[in-house]
């Protein structure tokens, strides 16, 4: 699991590469949901998904600064749930990160 830090009140943005055995999934026509939860499973917030390069399996997940301002500091995880045309569902790996309060705010 990859770990990084994110400051409350800053725009959150990450890209996920969805693949199987090293080959990217073609996500054309897929719908994506993504959210953040604490280490003990409490909901932190939703992420807005974007199919960056669907044919290459690249999904972006973002949250604006206003949304992350209310995130509770601590260890958190996010992932994406991808529903492909035809009904197949893929769940990305979970990515671990630390939510921190910044020294400079507003």
Protein backbone atom coordinates (compact mmCIF):
# COMPACT_ATOMS: atom_id res chain seq x y z
CA UNK A 1 0.00 0.00 0.00
CA UNK A 2 1.39 3.42 -0.94
CA UNK A 3 1.33 6.13 1.72
CA UNK A 4 1.34 9.92 1.33
CA UNK A 5 0.04 12.98 3.22
CA UNK A 6 -2.76 15.36 2.29
CA UNK A 7 -3.56 18.69 3.98
CA UNK A 8 -7.14 19.55 4.89
CA UNK A 9 -8.39 22.41 2.72
CA UNK A 10 -6.15 21.58 -0.25
CA UNK A 11 -7.45 20.17 -3.52
CA UNK A 12 -7.10 16.37 -3.60
CA UNK A 13 -6.29 14.65 -6.89
CA UNK A 14 -4.88 11.23 -7.78
CA UNK A 15 -4.82 8.94 -10.78
CA UNK A 16 -5.37 5.19 -10.59
CA UNK A 17 -4.21 2.72 -13.23
CA UNK A 18 -6.65 -0.19 -13.37
CA UNK A 19 -5.11 -3.36 -14.78
CA UNK A 20 -5.16 -7.14 -14.60
CA UNK A 21 -1.91 -9.08 -14.87
CA UNK A 22 -0.21 -5.90 -16.03
CA UNK A 23 -2.64 -5.24 -18.88
CA UNK A 24 -4.87 -2.15 -18.58
CA UNK A 25 -8.63 -2.58 -18.44
CA UNK A 26 -10.55 -0.74 -21.13
CA UNK A 27 -12.93 1.32 -19.02
CA UNK A 28 -14.87 2.81 -21.94
CA UNK A 29 -18.50 3.22 -20.86
CA UNK A 30 -17.72 2.44 -17.21
CA UNK A 31 -19.21 4.21 -14.23
CA UNK A 32 -16.95 4.94 -11.27
CA UNK A 33 -17.54 5.73 -7.61
CA UNK A 34 -14.82 6.55 -5.11
CA UNK A 35 -14.71 7.53 -1.45
CA UNK A 36 -12.41 8.07 1.52
CA UNK A 37 -12.76 6.24 4.83
CA UNK A 38 -10.82 6.27 8.08
CA UNK A 39 -8.69 3.30 9.08
CA UNK A 40 -11.60 2.01 11.19
CA UNK A 41 -14.09 2.35 8.31
CA UNK A 42 -15.86 5.63 9.06
CA UNK A 43 -16.90 7.64 6.02
CA UNK A 44 -14.80 10.78 5.38
CA UNK A 45 -16.08 11.93 1.99
CA UNK A 46 -16.79 11.10 -1.62
CA UNK A 47 -14.30 11.66 -4.41
CA UNK A 48 -15.38 12.80 -7.86
CA UNK A 49 -14.18 10.27 -10.43
CA UNK A 50 -13.04 11.16 -13.94
CA UNK A 51 -12.17 8.69 -16.70
CA UNK A 52 -8.86 10.28 -17.72
CA UNK A 53 -7.90 7.75 -20.39
CA UNK A 54 -10.62 5.10 -20.36
CA UNK A 55 -9.03 2.88 -23.00
CA UNK A 56 -5.81 2.76 -20.92
CA UNK A 57 -7.59 2.09 -17.61
CA UNK A 58 -6.72 5.47 -16.07
CA UNK A 59 -9.19 6.91 -13.57
CA UNK A 60 -8.77 10.22 -11.78
CA UNK A 61 -10.31 10.90 -8.35
CA UNK A 62 -10.62 14.45 -7.05
CA UNK A 63 -12.09 16.50 -4.20
CA UNK A 64 -12.07 20.28 -4.12
CA UNK A 65 -10.51 22.31 -1.32
CA UNK A 66 -13.88 23.07 0.27
CA UNK A 67 -14.65 19.35 0.56
CA UNK A 68 -11.29 18.41 2.08
CA UNK A 69 -11.48 21.26 4.61
CA UNK A 70 -13.94 19.16 6.63
CA UNK A 71 -11.90 15.94 6.50
CA UNK A 72 -10.86 14.68 9.93
CA UNK A 73 -7.09 14.38 10.43
CA UNK A 74 -5.71 10.85 10.75
CA UNK A 75 -4.99 7.73 8.73
CA UNK A 76 -7.37 7.20 5.79
CA UNK A 77 -7.87 5.03 2.72
CA UNK A 78 -9.48 5.52 -0.67
CA UNK A 79 -10.36 3.24 -3.55
CA UNK A 80 -12.60 3.21 -6.61
CA UNK A 81 -15.46 0.89 -7.54
CA UNK A 82 -15.79 0.55 -11.30
CA UNK A 83 -18.87 -0.90 -12.99
CA UNK A 84 -18.19 -1.98 -16.57
CA UNK A 85 -20.83 -2.28 -19.27
CA UNK A 86 -22.16 -5.82 -19.04
CA UNK A 87 -22.18 -5.87 -15.25
CA UNK A 88 -18.57 -6.70 -14.28
CA UNK A 89 -17.43 -4.80 -11.17
CA UNK A 90 -13.79 -4.01 -10.39
CA UNK A 91 -12.59 -2.54 -7.10
CA UNK A 92 -9.20 -0.85 -7.22
CA UNK A 93 -6.55 -1.50 -4.60
CA UNK A 94 -6.92 0.66 -1.48
CA UNK A 95 -4.51 3.54 -1.11
CA UNK A 96 -3.48 4.63 2.36
CA UNK A 97 -2.71 8.23 3.27
CA UNK A 98 -2.55 10.62 6.21
CA UNK A 99 -4.92 13.56 6.47
CA UNK A 100 -3.23 16.49 8.23
CA UNK A 101 -4.25 19.96 9.35
CA UNK A 102 -2.07 22.63 7.77
CA UNK A 103 -0.34 25.35 9.73
CA UNK A 104 -1.60 28.00 7.29
CA UNK A 105 -5.36 28.05 6.77
CA UNK A 106 -7.99 29.98 4.84
